[in-house]
Amino acid sequence: ARAQYQNMTNMELIALLLQQEMDVKKQRAETEVQVALLEKREAELKKMKVQVRDLEDYIDKLLVRIMEQTPTLLQVRARPK
């Protein structure tokens, strides 16, 4: 690998370094975008988990009220054949 650099001029070496620096900056920018998207998704997921928990609580309370007031609604009737 060292031999290929020995044959390059200073200008070529500088150009190569600048290109590599640009590539690194581009990768860093892309990574930052991905991190931002991931954080957004995590926030959405957190919100959804809260909504699911609220729905589960609501269903539990509803079920308790039905069991207390009209338990026959919960009976499974045999289907006619």
PDB file of N, CA and C in Angstrom:
ATOM      1  N   ALA A   1       0.831  -1.198   0.000  1.00  0.00           N
ATOM      2  CA  ALA A   1       0.000   0.000   0.000  1.00  0.00           C
ATOM      3  C   ALA A   1       0.871   1.255   0.000  1.00  0.00           C
ATOM      4  N   ARG A   2       2.021   1.156   0.672  1.00  0.00           N
ATOM      5  CA  ARG A   2       2.897   2.328   0.797  1.00  0.00           C
ATOM      6  C   ARG A   2       3.475   2.725  -0.562  1.00  0.00           C
ATOM      7  N   ALA A   3       3.755   1.729  -1.402  1.00  0.00           N
ATOM      8  CA  ALA A   3       4.364   1.975  -2.718  1.00  0.00           C
ATOM      9  C   ALA A   3       3.473   2.853  -3.584  1.00  0.00           C
ATOM     10  N   GLN A   4       2.176   2.635  -3.529  1.00  0.00           N
ATOM     11  CA  GLN A   4       1.272   3.423  -4.381  1.00  0.00           C
ATOM     12  C   GLN A   4       1.284   4.902  -3.977  1.00  0.00           C
ATOM     13  N   TYR A   5       1.502   5.187  -2.688  1.00  0.00           N
ATOM     14  CA  TYR A   5       1.546   6.577  -2.243  1.00  0.00           C
ATOM     15  C   TYR A   5       2.884   7.242  -2.589  1.00  0.00           C
ATOM     16  N   GLN A   6       3.961   6.467  -2.647  1.00  0.00           N
ATOM     17  CA  GLN A   6       5.289   7.016  -2.948  1.00  0.00           C
ATOM     18  C   GLN A   6       5.356   7.585  -4.360  1.00  0.00           C
ATOM     19  N   ASN A   7       4.571   7.017  -5.260  1.00  0.00           N
ATOM     20  CA  ASN A   7       4.586   7.468  -6.652  1.00  0.00           C
ATOM     21  C   ASN A   7       3.685   8.682  -6.888  1.00  0.00           C
ATOM     22  N   MET A   8       2.925   9.104  -5.849  1.00  0.00           N
ATOM     23  CA  MET A   8       2.006  10.224  -6.017  1.00  0.00           C
ATOM     24  C   MET A   8       2.695  11.552  -5.708  1.00  0.00           C
ATOM     25  N   THR A   9       2.247  12.579  -6.405  1.00  0.00           N
ATOM     26  CA  THR A   9       2.767  13.921  -6.131  1.00  0.00           C
ATOM     27  C   THR A   9       2.101  14.463  -4.873  1.00  0.00           C
ATOM     28  N   ASN A  10       2.687  15.542  -4.339  1.00  0.00           N
ATOM     29  CA  ASN A  10       2.083  16.173  -3.159  1.00  0.00           C
ATOM     30  C   ASN A  10       0.644  16.607  -3.442  1.00  0.00           C
ATOM     31  N   MET A  11       0.427  17.169  -4.634  1.00  0.00           N
ATOM     32  CA  MET A  11      -0.920  17.624  -4.999  1.00  0.00           C
ATOM     33  C   MET A  11      -1.905  16.453  -5.042  1.00  0.00           C
ATOM     34  N   GLU A  12      -1.441  15.328  -5.588  1.00  0.00           N
ATOM     35  CA  GLU A  12      -2.306  14.133  -5.654  1.00  0.00           C
ATOM     36  C   GLU A  12      -2.616  13.621  -4.245  1.00  0.00           C
ATOM     37  N   LEU A  13      -1.608  13.643  -3.381  1.00  0.00           N
ATOM     38  CA  LEU A  13      -1.818  13.197  -2.000  1.00  0.00           C
ATOM     39  C   LEU A  13      -2.814  14.116  -1.278  1.00  0.00           C
ATOM     40  N   ILE A  14      -2.643  15.433  -1.483  1.00  0.00           N
ATOM     41  CA  ILE A  14      -3.555  16.397  -0.856  1.00  0.00           C
ATOM     42  C   ILE A  14      -4.978  16.184  -1.383  1.00  0.00           C
ATOM     43  N   ALA A  15      -5.106  15.983  -2.695  1.00  0.00           N
ATOM     44  CA  ALA A  15      -6.423  15.746  -3.299  1.00  0.00           C
ATOM     45  C   ALA A  15      -7.054  14.479  -2.705  1.00  0.00           C
ATOM     46  N   LEU A  16      -6.256  13.445  -2.548  1.00  0.00           N
ATOM     47  CA  LEU A  16      -6.757  12.185  -1.968  1.00  0.00           C
ATOM     48  C   LEU A  16      -7.232  12.390  -0.531  1.00  0.00           C
ATOM     49  N   LEU A  17      -6.423  13.114   0.254  1.00  0.00           N
ATOM     50  CA  LEU A  17      -6.806  13.389   1.648  1.00  0.00           C
ATOM     51  C   LEU A  17      -8.094  14.206   1.727  1.00  0.00           C
ATOM     52  N   LEU A  18      -8.192  15.218   0.849  1.00  0.00           N
ATOM     53  CA  LEU A  18      -9.400  16.050   0.830  1.00  0.00           C
ATOM     54  C   LEU A  18     -10.629  15.218   0.461  1.00  0.00           C
ATOM     55  N   GLN A  19     -10.468  14.325  -0.516  1.00  0.00           N
ATOM     56  CA  GLN A  19     -11.571  13.449  -0.925  1.00  0.00           C
ATOM     57  C   GLN A  19     -11.994  12.551   0.240  1.00  0.00           C
ATOM     58  N   GLN A  20     -10.997  11.988   0.940  1.00  0.00           N
ATOM     59  CA  GLN A  20     -11.308  11.113   2.079  1.00  0.00           C
ATOM     60  C   GLN A  20     -12.021  11.897   3.180  1.00  0.00           C
ATOM     61  N   GLU A  21     -11.563  13.138   3.389  1.00  0.00           N
ATOM     62  CA  GLU A  21     -12.209  13.974   4.398  1.00  0.00           C
ATOM     63  C   GLU A  21     -13.664  14.253   4.021  1.00  0.00           C
ATOM     64  N   MET A  22     -13.906  14.536   2.736  1.00  0.00           N
ATOM     65  CA  MET A  22     -15.273  14.766   2.249  1.00  0.00           C
ATOM     66  C   MET A  22     -16.133  13.514   2.453  1.00  0.00           C
ATOM     67  N   ASP A  23     -15.557  12.357   2.153  1.00  0.00           N
ATOM     68  CA  ASP A  23     -16.289  11.096   2.319  1.00  0.00           C
ATOM     69  C   ASP A  23     -16.679  10.883   3.783  1.00  0.00           C
ATOM     70  N   VAL A  24     -15.735  11.159   4.680  1.00  0.00           N
ATOM     71  CA  VAL A  24     -16.003  10.997   6.117  1.00  0.00           C
ATOM     72  C   VAL A  24     -17.107  11.959   6.560  1.00  0.00           C
ATOM     73  N   LYS A  25     -17.039  13.222   6.091  1.00  0.00           N
ATOM     74  CA  LYS A  25     -18.068  14.212   6.454  1.00  0.00           C
ATOM     75  C   LYS A  25     -19.442  13.790   5.936  1.00  0.00           C
ATOM     76  N   LYS A  26     -19.468  13.248   4.708  1.00  0.00           N
ATOM     77  CA  LYS A  26     -20.725  12.788   4.116  1.00  0.00           C
ATOM     78  C   LYS A  26     -21.309  11.632   4.938  1.00  0.00           C
ATOM     79  N   GLN A  27     -20.440  10.680   5.309  1.00  0.00           N
ATOM     80  CA  GLN A  27     -20.896   9.546   6.124  1.00  0.00           C
ATOM     81  C   GLN A  27     -21.425  10.023   7.475  1.00  0.00           C
ATOM     82  N   ARG A  28     -20.720  11.000   8.062  1.00  0.00           N
ATOM     83  CA  ARG A  28     -21.134  11.536   9.357  1.00  0.00           C
ATOM     84  C   ARG A  28     -22.513  12.193   9.244  1.00  0.00           C
ATOM     85  N   ALA A  29     -22.724  12.958   8.162  1.00  0.00           N
ATOM     86  CA  ALA A  29     -24.014  13.625   7.938  1.00  0.00           C
ATOM     87  C   ALA A  29     -25.123  12.593   7.764  1.00  0.00           C
ATOM     88  N   GLU A  30     -24.844  11.530   7.001  1.00  0.00           N
ATOM     89  CA  GLU A  30     -25.839  10.466   6.798  1.00  0.00           C
ATOM     90  C   GLU A  30     -26.160   9.768   8.117  1.00  0.00           C
ATOM     91  N   THR A  31     -25.155   9.545   8.929  1.00  0.00           N
ATOM     92  CA  THR A  31     -25.361   8.917  10.235  1.00  0.00           C
ATOM     93  C   THR A  31     -26.234   9.797  11.128  1.00  0.00           C
ATOM     94  N   GLU A  32     -25.980  11.114  11.092  1.00  0.00           N
ATOM     95  CA  GLU A  32     -26.785  12.039  11.896  1.00  0.00           C
ATOM     96  C   GLU A  32     -28.251  12.009  11.479  1.00  0.00           C
ATOM     97  N   VAL A  33     -28.494  11.915  10.176  1.00  0.00           N
ATOM     98  CA  VAL A  33     -29.871  11.819   9.670  1.00  0.00           C
ATOM     99  C   VAL A  33     -30.521  10.532  10.179  1.00  0.00           C
ATOM    100  N   GLN A  34     -29.781   9.432  10.124  1.00  0.00           N
ATOM    101  CA  GLN A  34     -30.319   8.147  10.586  1.00  0.00           C
ATOM    102  C   GLN A  34     -30.615   8.180  12.081  1.00  0.00           C
ATOM    103  N   VAL A  35     -29.734   8.806  12.853  1.00  0.00           N
ATOM    104  CA  VAL A  35     -29.939   8.919  14.298  1.00  0.00           C
ATOM    105  C   VAL A  35     -31.196   9.739  14.588  1.00  0.00           C
ATOM    106  N   ALA A  36     -31.371  10.847  13.858  1.00  0.00           N
ATOM    107  CA  ALA A  36     -32.550  11.694  14.045  1.00  0.00           C
ATOM    108  C   ALA A  36     -33.830  10.916  13.729  1.00  0.00           C
ATOM    109  N   LEU A  37     -33.795  10.141  12.647  1.00  0.00           N
ATOM    110  CA  LEU A  37     -34.963   9.324  12.280  1.00  0.00           C
ATOM    111  C   LEU A  37     -35.260   8.281  13.348  1.00  0.00           C
ATOM    112  N   LEU A  38     -34.210   7.662  13.847  1.00  0.00           N
ATOM    113  CA  LEU A  38     -34.368   6.645  14.882  1.00  0.00           C
ATOM    114  C   LEU A  38     -34.986   7.241  16.150  1.00  0.00           C
ATOM    115  N   GLU A  39     -34.509   8.422  16.535  1.00  0.00           N
ATOM    116  CA  GLU A  39     -35.054   9.089  17.720  1.00  0.00           C
ATOM    117  C   GLU A  39     -36.530   9.426  17.521  1.00  0.00           C
ATOM    118  N   LYS A  40     -36.877   9.850  16.299  1.00  0.00           N
ATOM    119  CA  LYS A  40     -38.284  10.159  15.984  1.00  0.00           C
ATOM    120  C   LYS A  40     -39.142   8.902  16.110  1.00  0.00           C
ATOM    121  N   ARG A  41     -38.647   7.795  15.555  1.00  0.00           N
ATOM    122  CA  ARG A  41     -39.390   6.516  15.627  1.00  0.00           C
ATOM    123  C   ARG A  41     -39.568   6.070  17.085  1.00  0.00           C
ATOM    124  N   GLU A  42     -38.508   6.234  17.890  1.00  0.00           N
ATOM    125  CA  GLU A  42     -38.582   5.839  19.295  1.00  0.00           C
ATOM    126  C   GLU A  42     -39.626   6.665  20.035  1.00  0.00           C
ATOM    127  N   ALA A  43     -39.694   7.964  19.731  1.00  0.00           N
ATOM    128  CA  ALA A  43     -40.695   8.837  20.360  1.00  0.00           C
ATOM    129  C   ALA A  43     -42.106   8.396  19.963  1.00  0.00           C
ATOM    130  N   GLU A  44     -42.285   8.052  18.670  1.00  0.00           N
ATOM    131  CA  GLU A  44     -43.593   7.574  18.192  1.00  0.00           C
ATOM    132  C   GLU A  44     -43.969   6.270  18.883  1.00  0.00           C
ATOM    133  N   LEU A  45     -43.000   5.382  19.028  1.00  0.00           N
ATOM    134  CA  LEU A  45     -43.239   4.090  19.670  1.00  0.00           C
ATOM    135  C   LEU A  45     -43.651   4.275  21.134  1.00  0.00           C
ATOM    136  N   LYS A  46     -42.964   5.205  21.817  1.00  0.00           N
ATOM    137  CA  LYS A  46     -43.288   5.499  23.211  1.00  0.00           C
ATOM    138  C   LYS A  46     -44.738   5.970  23.342  1.00  0.00           C
ATOM    139  N   LYS A  47     -45.126   6.868  22.413  1.00  0.00           N
ATOM    140  CA  LYS A  47     -46.491   7.395  22.407  1.00  0.00           C
ATOM    141  C   LYS A  47     -47.506   6.265  22.196  1.00  0.00           C
ATOM    142  N   MET A  48     -47.178   5.368  21.255  1.00  0.00           N
ATOM    143  CA  MET A  48     -48.075   4.253  20.953  1.00  0.00           C
ATOM    144  C   MET A  48     -48.200   3.315  22.149  1.00  0.00           C
ATOM    145  N   LYS A  49     -47.093   3.087  22.862  1.00  0.00           N
ATOM    146  CA  LYS A  49     -47.137   2.212  24.038  1.00  0.00           C
ATOM    147  C   LYS A  49     -48.079   2.781  25.098  1.00  0.00           C
ATOM    148  N   VAL A  50     -48.026   4.109  25.275  1.00  0.00           N
ATOM    149  CA  VAL A  50     -48.919   4.764  26.238  1.00  0.00           C
ATOM    150  C   VAL A  50     -50.375   4.580  25.791  1.00  0.00           C
ATOM    151  N   GLN A  51     -50.631   4.762  24.490  1.00  0.00           N
ATOM    152  CA  GLN A  51     -51.996   4.603  23.966  1.00  0.00           C
ATOM    153  C   GLN A  51     -52.494   3.172  24.157  1.00  0.00           C
ATOM    154  N   VAL A  52     -51.621   2.201  23.902  1.00  0.00           N
ATOM    155  CA  VAL A  52     -51.997   0.790  24.073  1.00  0.00           C
ATOM    156  C   VAL A  52     -52.322   0.505  25.537  1.00  0.00           C
ATOM    157  N   ARG A  53     -51.494   1.032  26.443  1.00  0.00           N
ATOM    158  CA  ARG A  53     -51.730   0.832  27.878  1.00  0.00           C
ATOM    159  C   ARG A  53     -53.075   1.446  28.296  1.00  0.00           C
ATOM    160  N   ASP A  54     -53.362   2.653  27.784  1.00  0.00           N
ATOM    161  CA  ASP A  54     -54.641   3.306  28.078  1.00  0.00           C
ATOM    162  C   ASP A  54     -55.816   2.461  27.580  1.00  0.00           C
ATOM    163  N   LEU A  55     -55.664   1.919  26.352  1.00  0.00           N
ATOM    164  CA  LEU A  55     -56.723   1.067  25.796  1.00  0.00           C
ATOM    165  C   LEU A  55     -56.911  -0.204  26.625  1.00  0.00           C
ATOM    166  N   GLU A  56     -55.802  -0.799  27.046  1.00  0.00           N
ATOM    167  CA  GLU A  56     -55.891  -2.008  27.873  1.00  0.00           C
ATOM    168  C   GLU A  56     -56.605  -1.711  29.187  1.00  0.00           C
ATOM    169  N   ASP A  57     -56.262  -0.582  29.801  1.00  0.00           N
ATOM    170  CA  ASP A  57     -56.932  -0.182  31.053  1.00  0.00           C
ATOM    171  C   ASP A  57     -58.422   0.024  30.826  1.00  0.00           C
ATOM    172  N   TYR A  58     -58.761   0.696  29.725  1.00  0.00           N
ATOM    173  CA  TYR A  58     -60.173   0.957  29.400  1.00  0.00           C
ATOM    174  C   TYR A  58     -60.932  -0.360  29.215  1.00  0.00           C
ATOM    175  N   ILE A  59     -60.335  -1.294  28.467  1.00  0.00           N
ATOM    176  CA  ILE A  59     -60.973  -2.590  28.217  1.00  0.00           C
ATOM    177  C   ILE A  59     -61.139  -3.362  29.533  1.00  0.00           C
ATOM    178  N   ASP A  60     -60.119  -3.332  30.389  1.00  0.00           N
ATOM    179  CA  ASP A  60     -60.201  -4.006  31.693  1.00  0.00           C
ATOM    180  C   ASP A  60     -61.362  -3.463  32.518  1.00  0.00           C
ATOM    181  N   LYS A  61     -61.468  -2.129  32.580  1.00  0.00           N
ATOM    182  CA  LYS A  61     -62.559  -1.515  33.362  1.00  0.00           C
ATOM    183  C   LYS A  61     -63.917  -1.851  32.778  1.00  0.00           C
ATOM    184  N   LEU A  62     -63.989  -1.842  31.450  1.00  0.00           N
ATOM    185  CA  LEU A  62     -65.234  -2.179  30.758  1.00  0.00           C
ATOM    186  C   LEU A  62     -65.645  -3.620  31.068  1.00  0.00           C
ATOM    187  N   LEU A  63     -64.669  -4.502  31.019  1.00  0.00           N
ATOM    188  CA  LEU A  63     -64.923  -5.922  31.288  1.00  0.00           C
ATOM    189  C   LEU A  63     -65.419  -6.122  32.718  1.00  0.00           C
ATOM    190  N   VAL A  64     -64.788  -5.426  33.660  1.00  0.00           N
ATOM    191  CA  VAL A  64     -65.216  -5.520  35.067  1.00  0.00           C
ATOM    192  C   VAL A  64     -66.656  -5.045  35.212  1.00  0.00           C
ATOM    193  N   ARG A  65     -66.998  -3.928  34.570  1.00  0.00           N
ATOM    194  CA  ARG A  65     -68.377  -3.404  34.648  1.00  0.00           C
ATOM    195  C   ARG A  65     -69.371  -4.388  34.059  1.00  0.00           C
ATOM    196  N   ILE A  66     -69.004  -5.012  32.925  1.00  0.00           N
ATOM    197  CA  ILE A  66     -69.900  -6.003  32.305  1.00  0.00           C
ATOM    198  C   ILE A  66     -70.060  -7.201  33.233  1.00  0.00           C
ATOM    199  N   MET A  67     -68.952  -7.660  33.837  1.00  0.00           N
ATOM    200  CA  MET A  67     -69.014  -8.814  34.745  1.00  0.00           C
ATOM    201  C   MET A  67     -69.917  -8.501  35.945  1.00  0.00           C
ATOM    202  N   GLU A  68     -69.876  -7.256  36.424  1.00  0.00           N
ATOM    203  CA  GLU A  68     -70.698  -6.867  37.573  1.00  0.00           C
ATOM    204  C   GLU A  68     -72.163  -6.680  37.180  1.00  0.00           C
ATOM    205  N   GLN A  69     -72.417  -6.036  36.052  1.00  0.00           N
ATOM    206  CA  GLN A  69     -73.785  -5.650  35.698  1.00  0.00           C
ATOM    207  C   GLN A  69     -74.503  -6.654  34.805  1.00  0.00           C
ATOM    208  N   THR A  70     -73.847  -7.159  33.780  1.00  0.00           N
ATOM    209  CA  THR A  70     -74.519  -8.047  32.830  1.00  0.00           C
ATOM    210  C   THR A  70     -73.589  -9.196  32.441  1.00  0.00           C
ATOM    211  N   PRO A  71     -73.268 -10.083  33.369  1.00  0.00           N
ATOM    212  CA  PRO A  71     -72.314 -11.158  33.056  1.00  0.00           C
ATOM    213  C   PRO A  71     -72.805 -12.092  31.950  1.00  0.00           C
ATOM    214  N   THR A  72     -74.121 -12.158  31.717  1.00  0.00           N
ATOM    215  CA  THR A  72     -74.637 -13.051  30.663  1.00  0.00           C
ATOM    216  C   THR A  72     -74.140 -12.642  29.279  1.00  0.00           C
ATOM    217  N   LEU A  73     -73.755 -11.375  29.113  1.00  0.00           N
ATOM    218  CA  LEU A  73     -73.218 -10.920  27.823  1.00  0.00           C
ATOM    219  C   LEU A  73     -71.924 -11.652  27.466  1.00  0.00           C
ATOM    220  N   LEU A  74     -71.228 -12.104  28.500  1.00  0.00           N
ATOM    221  CA  LEU A  74     -69.940 -12.751  28.274  1.00  0.00           C
ATOM    222  C   LEU A  74     -70.056 -14.262  28.051  1.00  0.00           C
ATOM    223  N   GLN A  75     -71.279 -14.801  28.226  1.00  0.00           N
ATOM    224  CA  GLN A  75     -71.450 -16.251  28.041  1.00  0.00           C
ATOM    225  C   GLN A  75     -71.326 -16.602  26.562  1.00  0.00           C
ATOM    226  N   VAL A  76     -70.614 -17.697  26.295  1.00  0.00           N
ATOM    227  CA  VAL A  76     -70.465 -18.156  24.913  1.00  0.00           C
ATOM    228  C   VAL A  76     -71.624 -19.097  24.616  1.00  0.00           C
ATOM    229  N   ARG A  77     -72.387 -18.722  23.630  1.00  0.00           N
ATOM    230  CA  ARG A  77     -73.535 -19.561  23.234  1.00  0.00           C
ATOM    231  C   ARG A  77     -73.076 -20.590  22.198  1.00  0.00           C
ATOM    232  N   ALA A  78     -73.654 -21.781  22.287  1.00  0.00           N
ATOM    233  CA  ALA A  78     -73.342 -22.813  21.319  1.00  0.00           C
ATOM    234  C   ALA A  78     -73.942 -22.406  19.974  1.00  0.00           C
ATOM    235  N   ARG A  79     -73.175 -22.553  18.938  1.00  0.00           N
ATOM    236  CA  ARG A  79     -73.675 -22.207  17.612  1.00  0.00           C
ATOM    237  C   ARG A  79     -74.568 -23.316  17.077  1.00  0.00           C
ATOM    238  N   PRO A  80     -75.709 -22.934  16.526  1.00  0.00           N
ATOM    239  CA  PRO A  80     -76.586 -23.971  15.935  1.00  0.00           C
ATOM    240  C   PRO A  80     -75.936 -24.560  14.677  1.00  0.00           C
ATOM    241  N   LYS A  81     -76.096 -25.874  14.511  1.00  0.00           N
ATOM    242  CA  LYS A  81     -75.453 -26.557  13.362  1.00  0.00           C
ATOM    243  C   LYS A  81     -76.421 -26.688  12.218  1.00  0.00           C
TER     244      LYS A  81
END
